[in-house]
N, C-alpha and C. Protein backbone atom coordinates (compact mmCIF):
# COMPACT_ATOMS: atom_id res chain seq x y z
N MET A 1 -83.20 -30.89 5.15
CA MET A 1 -83.73 -30.49 6.44
C MET A 1 -82.61 -30.04 7.37
N ASN A 2 -81.44 -30.64 7.23
CA ASN A 2 -80.32 -30.25 8.09
C ASN A 2 -79.80 -28.86 7.76
N ILE A 3 -80.07 -28.38 6.53
CA ILE A 3 -79.61 -27.04 6.15
C ILE A 3 -80.33 -25.96 6.95
N LEU A 4 -81.53 -26.26 7.43
CA LEU A 4 -82.25 -25.29 8.25
C LEU A 4 -81.54 -25.00 9.56
N LEU A 5 -80.78 -25.95 10.06
CA LEU A 5 -80.02 -25.73 11.28
C LEU A 5 -78.93 -24.69 11.08
N PHE A 6 -78.53 -24.47 9.85
CA PHE A 6 -77.55 -23.44 9.53
C PHE A 6 -78.22 -22.14 9.08
N LEU A 7 -79.27 -22.25 8.26
CA LEU A 7 -79.88 -21.06 7.65
C LEU A 7 -80.65 -20.21 8.65
N ILE A 8 -81.36 -20.81 9.57
CA ILE A 8 -82.15 -20.03 10.53
C ILE A 8 -81.26 -19.19 11.44
N PRO A 9 -80.22 -19.73 12.06
CA PRO A 9 -79.33 -18.86 12.86
C PRO A 9 -78.59 -17.83 12.02
N ALA A 10 -78.25 -18.19 10.77
CA ALA A 10 -77.57 -17.22 9.89
C ALA A 10 -78.50 -16.06 9.57
N ALA A 11 -79.77 -16.34 9.31
CA ALA A 11 -80.73 -15.27 9.01
C ALA A 11 -80.97 -14.40 10.24
N LEU A 12 -81.07 -15.01 11.39
CA LEU A 12 -81.26 -14.23 12.63
C LEU A 12 -80.03 -13.38 12.93
N GLY A 13 -78.86 -13.93 12.68
CA GLY A 13 -77.63 -13.17 12.90
C GLY A 13 -77.51 -11.98 11.96
N LEU A 14 -77.85 -12.17 10.68
CA LEU A 14 -77.80 -11.06 9.73
C LEU A 14 -78.85 -10.00 10.06
N GLY A 15 -80.01 -10.43 10.51
CA GLY A 15 -81.03 -9.47 10.93
C GLY A 15 -80.59 -8.66 12.13
N ALA A 16 -79.96 -9.32 13.10
CA ALA A 16 -79.45 -8.61 14.28
C ALA A 16 -78.33 -7.65 13.89
N LEU A 17 -77.49 -8.05 12.94
CA LEU A 17 -76.42 -7.17 12.46
C LEU A 17 -76.99 -5.94 11.76
N GLY A 18 -78.02 -6.13 10.95
CA GLY A 18 -78.67 -4.99 10.30
C GLY A 18 -79.33 -4.06 11.29
N LEU A 19 -79.97 -4.62 12.30
CA LEU A 19 -80.60 -3.79 13.34
C LEU A 19 -79.55 -3.02 14.12
N ALA A 20 -78.43 -3.65 14.43
CA ALA A 20 -77.36 -2.97 15.15
C ALA A 20 -76.77 -1.83 14.32
N ALA A 21 -76.61 -2.04 13.02
CA ALA A 21 -76.10 -0.98 12.15
C ALA A 21 -77.09 0.18 12.05
N PHE A 22 -78.37 -0.13 12.01
CA PHE A 22 -79.39 0.92 11.97
C PHE A 22 -79.41 1.73 13.27
N MET A 23 -79.31 1.04 14.40
CA MET A 23 -79.30 1.73 15.68
C MET A 23 -78.04 2.60 15.82
N TRP A 24 -76.90 2.11 15.32
CA TRP A 24 -75.68 2.91 15.36
C TRP A 24 -75.84 4.17 14.52
N SER A 25 -76.45 4.05 13.35
CA SER A 25 -76.60 5.22 12.48
C SER A 25 -77.53 6.25 13.09
N ILE A 26 -78.53 5.81 13.83
CA ILE A 26 -79.42 6.77 14.50
C ILE A 26 -78.67 7.47 15.62
N ARG A 27 -77.92 6.73 16.41
CA ARG A 27 -77.20 7.33 17.54
C ARG A 27 -76.07 8.24 17.10
N SER A 28 -75.48 7.99 15.94
CA SER A 28 -74.37 8.82 15.48
C SER A 28 -74.84 10.05 14.72
N GLY A 29 -76.14 10.23 14.55
CA GLY A 29 -76.67 11.46 13.95
C GLY A 29 -76.78 11.43 12.44
N GLN A 30 -76.90 10.28 11.82
CA GLN A 30 -76.99 10.20 10.37
C GLN A 30 -78.30 10.77 9.84
N PHE A 31 -79.33 10.79 10.64
CA PHE A 31 -80.65 11.22 10.17
C PHE A 31 -81.08 12.54 10.80
N ASP A 32 -80.13 13.37 11.24
CA ASP A 32 -80.48 14.62 11.91
C ASP A 32 -80.98 15.70 10.95
N ASP A 33 -80.41 15.80 9.76
CA ASP A 33 -80.75 16.87 8.82
C ASP A 33 -81.85 16.41 7.87
N LEU A 34 -83.08 16.55 8.30
CA LEU A 34 -84.20 16.09 7.47
C LEU A 34 -84.62 17.13 6.43
N ASP A 35 -84.36 18.41 6.69
CA ASP A 35 -84.79 19.46 5.76
C ASP A 35 -83.71 19.83 4.76
N GLY A 36 -82.49 19.40 4.97
CA GLY A 36 -81.40 19.78 4.08
C GLY A 36 -81.58 19.23 2.68
N ALA A 37 -81.93 17.98 2.55
CA ALA A 37 -82.10 17.38 1.23
C ALA A 37 -83.31 17.98 0.51
N ALA A 38 -84.34 18.33 1.25
CA ALA A 38 -85.52 18.92 0.63
C ALA A 38 -85.23 20.30 0.08
N SER A 39 -84.37 21.06 0.74
CA SER A 39 -84.05 22.39 0.23
C SER A 39 -82.96 22.35 -0.83
N ARG A 40 -82.07 21.36 -0.78
CA ARG A 40 -81.01 21.28 -1.80
C ARG A 40 -81.55 20.92 -3.17
N ILE A 41 -82.68 20.25 -3.23
CA ILE A 41 -83.22 19.87 -4.53
C ILE A 41 -83.78 21.08 -5.26
N LEU A 42 -84.09 22.14 -4.52
CA LEU A 42 -84.64 23.34 -5.13
C LEU A 42 -83.56 24.30 -5.62
N ASP A 43 -82.31 24.08 -5.27
CA ASP A 43 -81.23 24.95 -5.71
C ASP A 43 -81.06 24.83 -7.21
N ASP A 44 -80.76 25.97 -7.83
CA ASP A 44 -80.58 26.00 -9.27
C ASP A 44 -79.11 25.77 -9.60
N ASP A 45 -78.79 24.60 -10.09
CA ASP A 45 -77.42 24.26 -10.44
C ASP A 45 -77.17 24.34 -11.94
N ASP A 46 -78.11 24.90 -12.69
CA ASP A 46 -77.97 24.96 -14.14
C ASP A 46 -77.05 26.09 -14.59
N ARG A 47 -76.79 27.06 -13.72
CA ARG A 47 -75.94 28.18 -14.10
C ARG A 47 -74.49 27.71 -14.20
N PRO A 48 -73.78 28.12 -15.23
CA PRO A 48 -72.36 27.73 -15.32
C PRO A 48 -71.55 28.44 -14.25
N LYS A 49 -70.58 27.73 -13.72
CA LYS A 49 -69.73 28.31 -12.69
C LYS A 49 -68.71 29.23 -13.33
N LYS A 50 -68.46 30.34 -12.67
CA LYS A 50 -67.47 31.30 -13.18
C LYS A 50 -66.08 30.80 -12.81
N LEU A 51 -65.19 30.86 -13.78
CA LEU A 51 -63.82 30.44 -13.56
C LEU A 51 -63.01 31.62 -13.03
N LYS A 52 -62.18 31.37 -12.06
CA LYS A 52 -61.34 32.41 -11.51
C LYS A 52 -59.94 32.27 -12.09
N PHE A 53 -59.50 33.32 -12.78
CA PHE A 53 -58.17 33.31 -13.37
C PHE A 53 -57.24 34.19 -12.54
N ARG A 54 -56.07 33.67 -12.34
CA ARG A 54 -55.05 34.47 -11.66
C ARG A 54 -54.12 35.05 -12.74
N GLY A 55 -53.91 36.34 -12.70
CA GLY A 55 -53.08 36.89 -13.75
C GLY A 55 -52.35 38.11 -13.42
């Protein structure tokens, strides 16, 4: 029963830390490009890349 005196504040602290990290990521613009990933999946990357030789 005494372990709850440690676990409950630890869980609340970790939850607050996760919320703070999420709010920081929103404010710093991590989720601004919502259409970029949707269009990048349609790009055809199966073509071999041409090598550039200097000669």
